[in-house]
Amino acid sequence: MPSATANGIEIEYEVAGPDDGPPVLLIMGLAGQLTWWPADFVDRLVKAGYRVIRFDNRDIGHSHKFKSRRAPNPAVQLMARRFKLSGLAPYTLVDMAQDTVSLLDALGVPKAHIVGVSMGGMISQIMGANFPDRVAGLSIIMSSTNNPRLPKISPEIAKALMSPPKPGASKEEALERSMYIWGLIGTRDSGSTEDELRARLATSYERSNYPAGMRRQLAAIIETGDLRKRFTRKIKAPSLVIHGAEDPLAPLPGGIDISKNIPGAQLEVIQGMGHDLPMKFIPKIIGFLTKHFEAVDQASAKSDAA
């Protein structure tokens, strides 16, 4: 896969679809590589005529690793935030938003439809506020405003995510840990078998296994904090919020909070969906997205013609 220098670091990316298609930029969530976007998800967008750009966020996959920067203990960092102490994280989501815009620069894309999932949805909110001219429209899936008053995740999920992997863990041990986490947060009866999920996780492991990057990305989320006042409420782009009703990692009130803080945002709730992009709901999600893209493009064309 190709890479580009963006914001002073190397970012691995992949482009699919027609060169003249409306660009759609996909931003993955915590520890998610670009390959974690389901093939059916990407293929449906390409078949609809879109130029689909996906990439590895910093510290994940084949993009730049901040190996000399150590992430703080999440519990210590959260306690520091309570006392309004900051600066413990190697970088913030604002830096990651700049990476994303710089990648668009490197690819010669002046403006794109932005689709972000989970942490990627947080980065999308920052892009919408800080770089409005680069955002045709926003689509935010299973994300949050980082509002501290939102419901907390269960202690079991928090422990699973924040506990570092066993030192020297084998591939099989790492896969068992990942299967356990996805069993906690994913959609029940997702349309994929356990063997299919394990195969996807094995492919991700073989492409890049870098737990330290996940910990630094988590630190970036904590460090950035509440997005509402600084970013979410400043968004002017047409916005779509998609959220699963059964999401245990970013509970539904997080999606509702996003939609309430972006003027005119549309909220679509998918009953039965957890914190993933399950095969059974991909047609529905793509339907919501393409309808939103078309409305945004039509409104833009009318504005240009006026």
Protein backbone atom coordinates (compact mmCIF):
# COMPACT_ATOMS: atom_id res chain seq x y z
CA MET A 1 0.00 0.00 0.00
CA PRO A 2 1.20 3.56 -0.62
CA SER A 3 2.13 6.06 2.06
CA ALA A 4 2.23 9.84 2.18
CA THR A 5 3.96 12.41 4.34
CA ALA A 6 1.21 14.14 6.29
CA ASN A 7 1.72 16.51 9.21
CA GLY A 8 5.39 15.54 9.22
CA ILE A 9 4.83 11.79 9.59
CA GLU A 10 4.25 8.86 7.24
CA ILE A 11 0.65 7.76 6.86
CA GLU A 12 -0.27 4.51 5.09
CA TYR A 13 -3.41 4.78 2.96
CA GLU A 14 -5.45 3.05 0.28
CA VAL A 15 -7.77 4.50 -2.36
CA ALA A 16 -10.53 2.57 -4.13
CA GLY A 17 -13.13 3.63 -6.67
CA PRO A 18 -13.21 6.00 -9.65
CA ASP A 19 -10.73 8.87 -9.72
CA ASP A 20 -13.53 11.30 -10.55
CA GLY A 21 -15.93 10.00 -7.91
CA PRO A 22 -16.91 12.18 -4.94
CA PRO A 23 -14.25 11.51 -2.30
CA VAL A 24 -15.22 9.77 0.93
CA LEU A 25 -12.61 9.68 3.71
CA LEU A 26 -12.99 6.90 6.28
CA ILE A 27 -11.49 7.43 9.75
CA MET A 28 -11.15 4.30 11.86
CA GLY A 29 -11.46 4.07 15.64
CA LEU A 30 -9.16 3.15 18.52
CA ALA A 31 -6.44 0.67 17.45
CA GLY A 32 -8.26 0.02 14.17
CA GLN A 33 -6.19 -0.44 11.04
CA LEU A 34 -7.47 0.62 7.62
CA THR A 35 -8.08 -3.06 6.86
CA TRP A 36 -10.67 -3.16 9.65
CA TRP A 37 -13.19 -1.43 7.38
CA PRO A 38 -15.29 -4.38 6.14
CA ALA A 39 -14.69 -5.20 2.47
CA ASP A 40 -18.45 -5.15 1.84
CA PHE A 41 -18.67 -1.65 3.34
CA VAL A 42 -15.97 -0.31 1.01
CA ASP A 43 -17.24 -2.23 -2.03
CA ARG A 44 -20.76 -0.85 -1.68
CA LEU A 45 -19.45 2.72 -1.57
CA VAL A 46 -17.26 2.08 -4.63
CA LYS A 47 -20.18 0.54 -6.53
CA ALA A 48 -22.20 3.66 -5.70
CA GLY A 49 -19.54 5.71 -7.52
CA TYR A 50 -17.50 7.09 -4.64
CA ARG A 51 -13.73 7.41 -4.37
CA VAL A 52 -13.04 5.80 -1.00
CA ILE A 53 -9.94 6.77 0.99
CA ARG A 54 -8.98 4.87 4.12
CA PHE A 55 -5.80 5.01 6.14
CA ASP A 56 -3.94 3.88 9.23
CA ASN A 57 -4.09 6.51 11.97
CA ARG A 58 -0.76 7.40 13.58
CA ASP A 59 0.65 4.70 15.85
CA ILE A 60 -1.36 1.92 14.19
CA GLY A 61 -0.89 -0.39 11.22
CA HIS A 62 1.87 0.77 8.89
CA SER A 63 1.72 4.46 9.79
CA HIS A 64 4.31 6.27 11.90
CA LYS A 65 4.91 4.89 15.40
CA PHE A 66 5.75 7.25 18.27
CA LYS A 67 8.04 4.70 19.88
CA SER A 68 9.98 7.23 21.96
CA ARG A 69 6.82 8.59 23.61
CA ARG A 70 5.34 6.57 26.45
CA ALA A 71 1.62 6.68 27.23
CA PRO A 72 0.58 7.46 30.81
CA ASN A 73 -1.34 4.99 32.92
CA PRO A 74 -5.02 5.57 31.99
CA ALA A 75 -6.16 5.62 35.64
CA VAL A 76 -3.50 8.18 36.53
CA GLN A 77 -4.38 10.29 33.51
CA LEU A 78 -8.09 10.22 34.32
CA MET A 79 -7.36 11.29 37.89
CA ALA A 80 -5.14 14.11 36.60
CA ARG A 81 -7.98 15.29 34.35
CA ARG A 82 -10.25 15.55 37.40
CA PHE A 83 -7.79 18.06 38.84
CA LYS A 84 -7.53 19.87 35.48
CA LEU A 85 -3.98 18.66 34.92
CA SER A 86 -3.05 18.04 31.28
CA GLY A 87 -0.06 17.38 29.05
CA LEU A 88 0.52 13.75 30.01
CA ALA A 89 -0.32 12.30 26.59
CA PRO A 90 2.20 12.23 23.73
CA TYR A 91 -0.41 13.83 21.43
CA THR A 92 -4.12 14.62 21.22
CA LEU A 93 -7.00 14.02 18.84
CA VAL A 94 -6.35 17.53 17.49
CA ASP A 95 -3.00 16.27 16.20
CA MET A 96 -4.74 13.29 14.63
CA ALA A 97 -7.26 15.58 12.92
CA GLN A 98 -4.34 17.54 11.49
CA ASP A 99 -2.83 14.26 10.21
CA THR A 100 -6.10 13.56 8.41
CA VAL A 101 -6.35 16.97 6.77
CA SER A 102 -2.68 16.80 5.78
CA LEU A 103 -3.36 13.44 4.12
CA LEU A 104 -6.09 15.10 2.05
CA ASP A 105 -3.51 17.74 1.11
CA ALA A 106 -1.02 15.08 0.05
CA LEU A 107 -3.67 13.38 -2.09
CA GLY A 108 -4.80 16.64 -3.66
CA VAL A 109 -8.33 16.36 -2.27
CA PRO A 110 -9.75 19.80 -1.42
CA LYS A 111 -12.93 18.53 0.27
CA ALA A 112 -14.42 15.15 1.18
CA HIS A 113 -17.34 13.45 2.83
CA ILE A 114 -15.95 12.45 6.23
CA VAL A 115 -17.03 9.18 7.86
CA GLY A 116 -15.64 8.46 11.32
CA VAL A 117 -16.32 5.54 13.63
CA SER A 118 -15.79 5.63 17.41
CA MET A 119 -12.52 7.55 18.01
CA GLY A 120 -12.65 8.39 14.31
CA GLY A 121 -15.99 10.07 14.97
CA MET A 122 -14.29 12.26 17.57
CA ILE A 123 -11.55 13.17 15.09
CA SER A 124 -14.31 13.95 12.59
CA GLN A 125 -15.91 16.42 15.00
CA ILE A 126 -12.59 18.23 15.38
CA MET A 127 -12.19 18.34 11.61
CA GLY A 128 -15.67 19.77 11.20
CA ALA A 129 -14.89 22.55 13.67
CA ASN A 130 -11.29 23.35 12.76
CA PHE A 131 -11.30 22.67 9.02
CA PRO A 132 -14.82 23.45 7.76
CA ASP A 133 -13.65 24.12 4.20
CA ARG A 134 -12.32 20.56 3.91
CA VAL A 135 -15.54 18.86 5.01
CA ALA A 136 -18.40 18.38 2.53
CA GLY A 137 -20.44 16.61 5.20
CA LEU A 138 -19.92 14.60 8.36
CA SER A 139 -21.10 11.08 9.13
CA ILE A 140 -20.34 9.99 12.69
CA ILE A 141 -20.89 6.36 13.66
CA MET A 142 -20.89 4.87 17.20
CA SER A 143 -19.04 7.79 18.74
CA SER A 144 -19.35 10.39 21.50
CA THR A 145 -18.65 13.98 22.49
CA ASN A 146 -16.51 12.78 25.43
CA ASN A 147 -19.01 14.55 27.66
CA PRO A 148 -18.03 13.47 31.20
CA ARG A 149 -21.70 13.24 32.20
CA LEU A 150 -22.48 10.52 29.66
CA PRO A 151 -23.04 6.97 30.94
CA LYS A 152 -19.86 5.10 31.79
CA ILE A 153 -18.90 1.78 30.29
CA SER A 154 -19.07 -1.31 32.45
CA PRO A 155 -16.11 -2.14 34.73
CA GLU A 156 -15.59 -5.37 32.77
CA ILE A 157 -15.18 -3.53 29.46
CA ALA A 158 -13.04 -0.80 31.04
CA LYS A 159 -10.71 -3.41 32.54
CA ALA A 160 -10.48 -5.32 29.25
CA LEU A 161 -9.53 -2.20 27.30
CA MET A 162 -7.21 -0.55 29.79
CA SER A 163 -5.30 -3.58 31.03
CA PRO A 164 -2.12 -3.98 28.99
CA PRO A 165 -1.66 -7.24 27.10
CA LYS A 166 0.37 -9.93 28.81
CA PRO A 167 4.09 -9.28 28.13
CA GLY A 168 5.40 -11.61 25.47
CA ALA A 169 1.90 -12.87 24.64
CA SER A 170 1.78 -15.33 21.75
CA LYS A 171 -0.37 -14.77 18.68
CA GLU A 172 -2.99 -17.17 20.01
CA GLU A 173 -3.09 -15.42 23.38
CA ALA A 174 -3.46 -12.05 21.66
CA LEU A 175 -6.28 -13.40 19.48
CA GLU A 176 -8.08 -14.83 22.51
CA ARG A 177 -7.87 -11.44 24.21
CA SER A 178 -9.24 -9.69 21.10
CA MET A 179 -12.04 -12.24 20.74
CA TYR A 180 -12.97 -11.66 24.38
CA ILE A 181 -13.12 -7.87 23.89
CA TRP A 182 -15.19 -8.13 20.71
CA GLY A 183 -17.47 -10.54 22.51
CA LEU A 184 -18.12 -7.80 25.06
CA ILE A 185 -18.70 -4.90 22.66
CA GLY A 186 -19.79 -6.37 19.33
CA THR A 187 -23.23 -6.96 17.85
CA ARG A 188 -24.97 -10.18 18.82
CA ASP A 189 -25.94 -12.26 15.76
CA SER A 190 -23.82 -9.93 13.63
CA GLY A 191 -24.11 -11.94 10.45
CA SER A 192 -20.53 -13.26 10.79
CA THR A 193 -19.36 -16.44 12.50
CA GLU A 194 -16.78 -16.60 15.29
CA ASP A 195 -14.37 -18.22 12.81
CA GLU A 196 -14.80 -15.30 10.42
CA LEU A 197 -14.14 -12.80 13.21
CA ARG A 198 -11.07 -14.72 14.35
CA ALA A 199 -9.77 -14.77 10.77
CA ARG A 200 -10.15 -10.97 10.50
CA LEU A 201 -8.38 -10.49 13.81
CA ALA A 202 -5.59 -12.84 12.73
CA THR A 203 -5.13 -10.87 9.51
CA SER A 204 -4.89 -7.63 11.52
CA TYR A 205 -2.40 -9.22 13.92
CA GLU A 206 -0.20 -10.43 11.08
CA ARG A 207 -0.29 -7.04 9.35
CA SER A 208 0.67 -5.14 12.51
CA ASN A 209 0.52 -6.00 16.20
CA TYR A 210 1.39 -2.86 18.16
CA PRO A 211 -0.40 -2.53 21.54
CA ALA A 212 1.70 0.51 22.54
CA GLY A 213 0.03 2.52 19.79
CA MET A 214 -3.43 1.72 21.14
CA ARG A 215 -2.39 2.96 24.59
CA ARG A 216 -1.13 6.26 23.15
CA GLN A 217 -4.34 6.69 21.14
CA LEU A 218 -6.38 6.04 24.28
CA ALA A 219 -4.28 8.68 26.05
CA ALA A 220 -5.10 11.09 23.21
CA ILE A 221 -8.83 10.56 23.76
CA ILE A 222 -8.51 11.18 27.50
CA GLU A 223 -6.23 14.19 26.98
CA THR A 224 -8.56 15.85 24.46
CA GLY A 225 -11.51 15.62 26.82
CA ASP A 226 -14.99 17.07 26.30
CA LEU A 227 -15.47 18.00 22.64
CA ARG A 228 -18.72 19.94 22.88
CA LYS A 229 -17.68 23.54 23.57
CA ARG A 230 -14.42 23.57 21.61
CA PHE A 231 -15.52 21.54 18.59
CA THR A 232 -18.93 19.87 18.29
CA ARG A 233 -21.04 23.00 18.71
CA LYS A 234 -18.95 24.83 16.10
CA ILE A 235 -19.69 22.36 13.30
CA LYS A 236 -21.59 23.86 10.35
CA ALA A 237 -21.34 20.95 7.90
CA PRO A 238 -24.45 18.82 7.23
CA SER A 239 -24.12 15.98 9.72
CA LEU A 240 -25.45 12.46 10.08
CA VAL A 241 -25.09 10.51 13.32
CA ILE A 242 -25.53 6.72 13.23
CA HIS A 243 -25.55 4.75 16.47
CA GLY A 244 -26.38 1.26 17.66
CA ALA A 245 -29.06 0.99 20.30
CA GLU A 246 -27.13 -1.84 22.01
CA ASP A 247 -23.66 -0.25 21.95
CA PRO A 248 -21.94 -1.06 25.28
CA LEU A 249 -18.67 0.78 24.58
CA ALA A 250 -20.08 4.10 23.34
CA PRO A 251 -23.64 3.89 24.69
CA LEU A 252 -26.45 5.44 22.66
CA PRO A 253 -26.59 8.65 24.77
CA GLY A 254 -23.19 9.50 23.23
CA GLY A 255 -24.66 9.56 19.73
CA ILE A 256 -27.69 11.48 20.95
CA ASP A 257 -25.35 14.02 22.57
CA ILE A 258 -23.51 14.53 19.29
CA SER A 259 -26.75 15.09 17.40
CA LYS A 260 -27.98 17.58 20.01
CA ASN A 261 -24.76 19.60 19.85
CA ILE A 262 -24.50 19.86 16.05
CA PRO A 263 -27.16 22.20 14.67
CA GLY A 264 -29.47 20.34 12.29
CA ALA A 265 -27.77 16.96 12.70
CA GLN A 266 -29.77 13.88 11.70
CA LEU A 267 -29.76 10.91 14.07
CA GLU A 268 -30.33 7.33 12.92
CA VAL A 269 -30.51 4.63 15.60
CA ILE A 270 -30.03 1.00 14.55
CA GLN A 271 -31.80 -1.41 16.86
CA GLY A 272 -29.69 -4.40 17.87
CA MET A 273 -26.34 -2.94 16.80
CA GLY A 274 -23.37 -2.94 19.15
CA HIS A 275 -19.98 -1.28 18.80
CA ASP A 276 -18.94 -2.58 15.38
CA LEU A 277 -19.86 -2.56 11.70
CA PRO A 278 -21.69 -5.90 11.55
CA MET A 279 -22.34 -7.62 8.23
CA LYS A 280 -26.09 -7.75 8.86
CA PHE A 281 -26.35 -3.96 9.17
CA ILE A 282 -23.88 -2.83 6.49
CA PRO A 283 -26.60 -2.42 3.79
CA LYS A 284 -28.63 -0.23 6.18
CA ILE A 285 -25.58 1.85 7.17
CA ILE A 286 -24.51 2.34 3.55
CA GLY A 287 -28.08 3.33 2.70
CA PHE A 288 -28.02 6.06 5.36
CA LEU A 289 -24.59 7.24 4.20
CA THR A 290 -25.25 7.42 0.47
CA LYS A 291 -28.58 9.19 1.02
CA HIS A 292 -26.74 11.74 3.16
CA PHE A 293 -23.92 12.15 0.62
CA GLU A 294 -26.41 12.71 -2.21
CA ALA A 295 -28.34 15.34 -0.25
CA VAL A 296 -25.11 17.15 0.63
CA ASP A 297 -23.85 17.09 -2.97
CA GLN A 298 -27.19 18.28 -4.35
CA ALA A 299 -27.33 21.16 -1.87
CA SER A 300 -23.75 22.10 -2.74
CA ALA A 301 -24.49 22.04 -6.48
CA LYS A 302 -27.51 24.32 -5.99
CA SER A 303 -25.43 26.70 -3.90
CA ASP A 304 -22.69 26.84 -6.56
CA ALA A 305 -25.25 27.50 -9.29
CA ALA A 306 -26.99 30.32 -7.39
